[in-house]
Amino acid sequence: MGKAFKVYDIHCGRCGAYILTYHKHGSGKGIIRLYFHNIIGPSEWSNLQNSSDKGKRMLQCAACSEVLGNPVLDKGNKWAFRMRKGLFHRKLKKR
């Protein structure tokens, strides 16, 4: 039996625009960090793990330019976006 996971669509808290789809592992209810290797779409964000500018690019809404997260190097040398609380909404996708 596999580990528990959820798939969320992340939207901008200001304008409501779709940003990305995220595959969250574990049972915690909040999203504090978005790990690059768990981003599954769109390709603009899912290919960031293999990009050379992964530590320079902020998670930003394309529609209103709101900054939703800043890149950080987490424990175990894993790149993630440190999410800014209250500036994004998550919606659970049905499996």
C-alpha atoms as a PDB file:
ATOM      1  CA  MET A   1       0.000   0.000   0.000  1.00  0.00           C
ATOM      2  CA  GLY A   2       1.381   3.432  -0.987  1.00  0.00           C
ATOM      3  CA  LYS A   3       1.726   6.577   1.043  1.00  0.00           C
ATOM      4  CA  ALA A   4      -1.164   8.993   1.339  1.00  0.00           C
ATOM      5  CA  PHE A   5      -1.146  11.879  -1.134  1.00  0.00           C
ATOM      6  CA  LYS A   6      -3.425  14.612  -2.401  1.00  0.00           C
ATOM      7  CA  VAL A   7      -3.426  16.604  -5.617  1.00  0.00           C
ATOM      8  CA  TYR A   8      -4.172  20.319  -5.337  1.00  0.00           C
ATOM      9  CA  ASP A   9      -4.726  23.107  -7.835  1.00  0.00           C
ATOM     10  CA  ILE A  10      -3.069  26.292  -6.570  1.00  0.00           C
ATOM     11  CA  HIS A  11      -4.751  29.609  -7.431  1.00  0.00           C
ATOM     12  CA  CYS A  12      -3.784  33.233  -6.840  1.00  0.00           C
ATOM     13  CA  GLY A  13      -5.468  34.691  -3.758  1.00  0.00           C
ATOM     14  CA  ARG A  14      -5.773  38.131  -5.311  1.00  0.00           C
ATOM     15  CA  CYS A  15      -7.204  37.483  -8.782  1.00  0.00           C
ATOM     16  CA  GLY A  16      -8.127  33.764  -8.638  1.00  0.00           C
ATOM     17  CA  ALA A  17      -5.975  32.757 -11.636  1.00  0.00           C
ATOM     18  CA  TYR A  18      -4.749  29.138 -11.889  1.00  0.00           C
ATOM     19  CA  ILE A  19      -1.026  28.880 -11.079  1.00  0.00           C
ATOM     20  CA  LEU A  20      -0.065  25.184 -10.904  1.00  0.00           C
ATOM     21  CA  THR A  21      -0.997  21.653  -9.839  1.00  0.00           C
ATOM     22  CA  TYR A  22       0.812  20.165  -6.847  1.00  0.00           C
ATOM     23  CA  HIS A  23       1.146  16.571  -5.612  1.00  0.00           C
ATOM     24  CA  LYS A  24       1.205  16.763  -1.786  1.00  0.00           C
ATOM     25  CA  HIS A  25       2.518  13.831   0.244  1.00  0.00           C
ATOM     26  CA  GLY A  26       1.583  13.185   3.851  1.00  0.00           C
ATOM     27  CA  SER A  27      -1.394  13.959   6.012  1.00  0.00           C
ATOM     28  CA  GLY A  28      -0.666  17.570   6.991  1.00  0.00           C
ATOM     29  CA  LYS A  29      -3.479  19.916   6.056  1.00  0.00           C
ATOM     30  CA  GLY A  30      -1.486  23.043   5.216  1.00  0.00           C
ATOM     31  CA  ILE A  31       0.907  23.912   2.418  1.00  0.00           C
ATOM     32  CA  ILE A  32       3.976  25.717   3.737  1.00  0.00           C
ATOM     33  CA  ARG A  33       6.465  24.692   1.054  1.00  0.00           C
ATOM     34  CA  LEU A  34       5.897  23.600  -2.554  1.00  0.00           C
ATOM     35  CA  TYR A  35       8.721  21.214  -3.436  1.00  0.00           C
ATOM     36  CA  PHE A  36       9.834  21.560  -7.046  1.00  0.00           C
ATOM     37  CA  HIS A  37       9.863  17.789  -7.667  1.00  0.00           C
ATOM     38  CA  ASN A  38       6.171  17.528  -6.602  1.00  0.00           C
ATOM     39  CA  ILE A  39       4.880  20.152  -9.042  1.00  0.00           C
ATOM     40  CA  ILE A  40       3.080  18.264 -11.816  1.00  0.00           C
ATOM     41  CA  GLY A  41       1.851  21.018 -14.106  1.00  0.00           C
ATOM     42  CA  PRO A  42       2.008  23.198 -16.141  1.00  0.00           C
ATOM     43  CA  SER A  43       5.419  22.530 -17.704  1.00  0.00           C
ATOM     44  CA  GLU A  44       6.578  26.104 -16.990  1.00  0.00           C
ATOM     45  CA  TRP A  45       6.718  25.142 -13.299  1.00  0.00           C
ATOM     46  CA  SER A  46       7.141  21.342 -13.415  1.00  0.00           C
ATOM     47  CA  ASN A  47      10.410  21.632 -15.378  1.00  0.00           C
ATOM     48  CA  LEU A  48      11.889  24.018 -12.808  1.00  0.00           C
ATOM     49  CA  GLN A  49      13.574  21.158 -10.904  1.00  0.00           C
ATOM     50  CA  ASN A  50      15.974  20.617 -13.821  1.00  0.00           C
ATOM     51  CA  SER A  51      16.455  24.307 -14.598  1.00  0.00           C
ATOM     52  CA  SER A  52      19.605  26.305 -13.855  1.00  0.00           C
ATOM     53  CA  ASP A  53      17.665  29.331 -12.548  1.00  0.00           C
ATOM     54  CA  LYS A  54      15.636  27.439  -9.911  1.00  0.00           C
ATOM     55  CA  GLY A  55      17.042  29.468  -7.010  1.00  0.00           C
ATOM     56  CA  LYS A  56      16.343  32.805  -8.698  1.00  0.00           C
ATOM     57  CA  ARG A  57      12.747  32.472  -9.827  1.00  0.00           C
ATOM     58  CA  MET A  58       9.859  33.397  -7.505  1.00  0.00           C
ATOM     59  CA  LEU A  59       6.418  31.798  -7.729  1.00  0.00           C
ATOM     60  CA  GLN A  60       4.454  34.638  -9.242  1.00  0.00           C
ATOM     61  CA  CYS A  61       0.955  34.995 -10.682  1.00  0.00           C
ATOM     62  CA  ALA A  62       1.094  35.574 -14.442  1.00  0.00           C
ATOM     63  CA  ALA A  63      -2.147  37.572 -14.388  1.00  0.00           C
ATOM     64  CA  CYS A  64      -1.583  40.095 -11.565  1.00  0.00           C
ATOM     65  CA  SER A  65       2.159  39.669 -10.730  1.00  0.00           C
ATOM     66  CA  GLU A  66       1.486  38.835  -7.055  1.00  0.00           C
ATOM     67  CA  VAL A  67       4.449  36.961  -5.518  1.00  0.00           C
ATOM     68  CA  LEU A  68       3.064  33.786  -3.906  1.00  0.00           C
ATOM     69  CA  GLY A  69       6.326  32.089  -2.885  1.00  0.00           C
ATOM     70  CA  ASN A  70      10.073  32.541  -2.662  1.00  0.00           C
ATOM     71  CA  PRO A  71      12.642  29.851  -3.565  1.00  0.00           C
ATOM     72  CA  VAL A  72      14.477  28.211  -0.652  1.00  0.00           C
ATOM     73  CA  LEU A  73      16.927  25.346  -0.350  1.00  0.00           C
ATOM     74  CA  ASP A  74      15.333  23.057   2.231  1.00  0.00           C
ATOM     75  CA  LYS A  75      16.691  20.200   4.336  1.00  0.00           C
ATOM     76  CA  GLY A  76      18.354  17.544   2.230  1.00  0.00           C
ATOM     77  CA  ASN A  77      19.217  20.040  -0.557  1.00  0.00           C
ATOM     78  CA  LYS A  78      15.658  20.045  -1.926  1.00  0.00           C
ATOM     79  CA  TRP A  79      14.451  23.178  -3.685  1.00  0.00           C
ATOM     80  CA  ALA A  80      11.032  24.486  -2.690  1.00  0.00           C
ATOM     81  CA  PHE A  81       8.885  27.595  -2.784  1.00  0.00           C
ATOM     82  CA  ARG A  82       8.281  29.012   0.702  1.00  0.00           C
ATOM     83  CA  MET A  83       4.634  30.005   0.350  1.00  0.00           C
ATOM     84  CA  ARG A  84       3.332  33.344   1.592  1.00  0.00           C
ATOM     85  CA  LYS A  85       0.375  32.614   3.852  1.00  0.00           C
ATOM     86  CA  GLY A  86      -2.967  34.012   2.699  1.00  0.00           C
ATOM     87  CA  LEU A  87      -1.808  34.914  -0.819  1.00  0.00           C
ATOM     88  CA  PHE A  88      -2.897  31.672  -2.487  1.00  0.00           C
ATOM     89  CA  HIS A  89      -5.828  29.260  -2.451  1.00  0.00           C
ATOM     90  CA  ARG A  90      -5.691  25.500  -2.867  1.00  0.00           C
ATOM     91  CA  LYS A  91      -8.434  23.329  -4.280  1.00  0.00           C
ATOM     92  CA  LEU A  92      -8.390  19.560  -3.835  1.00  0.00           C
ATOM     93  CA  LYS A  93      -8.703  17.697  -7.133  1.00  0.00           C
ATOM     94  CA  LYS A  94     -10.867  14.599  -7.302  1.00  0.00           C
ATOM     95  CA  ARG A  95      -8.992  11.402  -8.153  1.00  0.00           C
END
